[in-house]
C-alpha atoms as a PDB file:
ATOM      1  CA  MET A   1       2.102  -4.619  12.163  1.00  0.00           C
ATOM      2  CA  PRO A   2       2.229  -7.648   9.829  1.00  0.00           C
ATOM      3  CA  TYR A   3       3.652  -9.738  12.661  1.00  0.00           C
ATOM      4  CA  LEU A   4       0.777  -9.045  15.045  1.00  0.00           C
ATOM      5  CA  PRO A   5      -1.797 -11.409  13.460  1.00  0.00           C
ATOM      6  CA  LEU A   6       0.891 -14.056  13.308  1.00  0.00           C
ATOM      7  CA  ALA A   7       1.590 -13.523  17.028  1.00  0.00           C
ATOM      8  CA  VAL A   8      -1.818 -14.991  17.832  1.00  0.00           C
ATOM      9  CA  LEU A   9      -0.732 -18.299  16.362  1.00  0.00           C
ATOM     10  CA  TRP A  10       2.994 -18.231  17.133  1.00  0.00           C
ATOM     11  CA  TRP A  11       4.257 -16.408  20.246  1.00  0.00           C
ATOM     12  CA  PRO A  12       7.805 -15.561  18.992  1.00  0.00           C
ATOM     13  CA  ALA A  13       6.175 -13.343  16.361  1.00  0.00           C
ATOM     14  CA  ALA A  14       5.114 -11.029  19.201  1.00  0.00           C
ATOM     15  CA  LEU A  15       8.768 -10.562  20.120  1.00  0.00           C
ATOM     16  CA  ILE A  16       9.658  -9.917  16.495  1.00  0.00           C
ATOM     17  CA  ALA A  17       6.859  -7.347  16.243  1.00  0.00           C
ATOM     18  CA  LEU A  18       8.048  -5.607  19.407  1.00  0.00           C
ATOM     19  CA  VAL A  19      11.654  -5.430  18.225  1.00  0.00           C
ATOM     20  CA  ALA A  20      10.584  -4.202  14.791  1.00  0.00           C
ATOM     21  CA  ALA A  21       8.434  -1.463  16.348  1.00  0.00           C
ATOM     22  CA  VAL A  22      11.252  -0.277  18.629  1.00  0.00           C
ATOM     23  CA  VAL A  23      13.759  -0.194  15.779  1.00  0.00           C
ATOM     24  CA  ALA A  24      11.306   1.605  13.483  1.00  0.00           C
ATOM     25  CA  ARG A  25      10.589   4.250  16.123  1.00  0.00           C
ATOM     26  CA  HIS A  26      14.293   4.822  16.752  1.00  0.00           C
ATOM     27  CA  ARG A  27      15.109   5.122  13.052  1.00  0.00           C
ATOM     28  CA  ALA A  28      12.166   7.475  12.466  1.00  0.00           C
ATOM     29  CA  ARG A  29      13.376   9.786  15.228  1.00  0.00           C
ATOM     30  CA  LEU A  30      16.895   9.830  13.772  1.00  0.00           C
ATOM     31  CA  ALA A  31      15.554  10.555  10.290  1.00  0.00           C
ATOM     32  CA  ALA A  32      13.386  13.399  11.606  1.00  0.00           C
ATOM     33  CA  GLU A  33      16.372  14.903  13.409  1.00  0.00           C
ATOM     34  CA  VAL A  34      18.518  14.798  10.268  1.00  0.00           C
ATOM     35  CA  HIS A  35      15.695  16.288   8.210  1.00  0.00           C
ATOM     36  CA  ALA A  36      15.262  19.152  10.701  1.00  0.00           C
ATOM     37  CA  GLU A  37      18.983  19.919  10.569  1.00  0.00           C
ATOM     38  CA  LEU A  38      18.944  19.944   6.771  1.00  0.00           C
ATOM     39  CA  VAL A  39      15.952  22.283   6.656  1.00  0.00           C
ATOM     40  CA  GLU A  40      17.593  24.597   9.184  1.00  0.00           C
ATOM     41  CA  SER A  41      20.812  24.627   7.140  1.00  0.00           C
ATOM     42  CA  ALA A  42      18.912  25.397   3.945  1.00  0.00           C
ATOM     43  CA  VAL A  43      17.092  28.294   5.591  1.00  0.00           C
ATOM     44  CA  ASP A  44      20.361  29.640   7.027  1.00  0.00           C
ATOM     45  CA  LEU A  45      22.026  29.386   3.617  1.00  0.00           C
ATOM     46  CA  HIS A  46      19.240  31.060   1.662  1.00  0.00           C
ATOM     47  CA  LEU A  47      17.869  33.448   4.288  1.00  0.00           C
ATOM     48  CA  ASP A  48      18.692  36.596   2.325  1.00  0.00           C
ATOM     49  CA  ARG A  49      16.859  35.346  -0.767  1.00  0.00           C
ATOM     50  CA  LEU A  50      13.904  34.216   1.325  1.00  0.00           C
ATOM     51  CA  LEU A  51      13.638  37.580   3.033  1.00  0.00           C
ATOM     52  CA  THR A  52      13.832  39.551  -0.194  1.00  0.00           C
ATOM     53  CA  ARG A  53      11.050  37.462  -1.734  1.00  0.00           C
ATOM     54  CA  LEU A  54       8.785  37.190   1.292  1.00  0.00           C
ATOM     55  CA  VAL A  55       9.222  40.399   3.285  1.00  0.00           C
ATOM     56  CA  GLU A  56       9.231  44.000   2.089  1.00  0.00           C
ATOM     57  CA  PRO A  57      10.876  46.025   3.580  1.00  0.00           C
ATOM     58  CA  ARG A  58      13.662  44.018   5.172  1.00  0.00           C
ATOM     59  CA  PRO A  59      13.265  43.723   8.971  1.00  0.00           C
ATOM     60  CA  SER A  60      15.749  45.224  11.404  1.00  0.00           C
ATOM     61  CA  PRO A  61      17.916  42.889  13.515  1.00  0.00           C
ATOM     62  CA  GLN A  62      15.639  43.491  16.528  1.00  0.00           C
ATOM     63  CA  GLN A  63      12.553  42.579  14.514  1.00  0.00           C
ATOM     64  CA  GLY A  64      14.344  39.485  13.221  1.00  0.00           C
ATOM     65  CA  ARG A  65      15.171  38.339  16.751  1.00  0.00           C
ATOM     66  CA  ALA A  66      11.576  38.969  17.842  1.00  0.00           C
ATOM     67  CA  ARG A  67      10.254  36.905  14.915  1.00  0.00           C
ATOM     68  CA  THR A  68      12.684  34.111  15.775  1.00  0.00           C
ATOM     69  CA  GLU A  69      11.725  34.071  19.443  1.00  0.00           C
ATOM     70  CA  CYS A  70       7.977  33.955  18.755  1.00  0.00           C
ATOM     71  CA  PRO A  71       7.899  30.328  17.436  1.00  0.00           C
ATOM     72  CA  ARG A  72      10.414  29.207  20.067  1.00  0.00           C
ATOM     73  CA  ARG A  73       8.126  30.346  22.867  1.00  0.00           C
ATOM     74  CA  ARG A  74       5.280  28.204  21.510  1.00  0.00           C
ATOM     75  CA  ILE A  75       7.292  24.995  21.744  1.00  0.00           C
END
């Protein structure tokens, strides 16, 4: 964004702004993907503790699968 006002006065700044935006978007997507994998790993690692603190009584495997499928269907 800082390059855009400069692009009015100097046309190569528009190219710099475009390249910076493309690189920023790509890096943000990669960072979001890594973050999602880390969150998923943390939940997998600590699922038993999460379930004991959040859910009483513990769900059956069928209920667990149903709860997992519910958010997936919304996507």
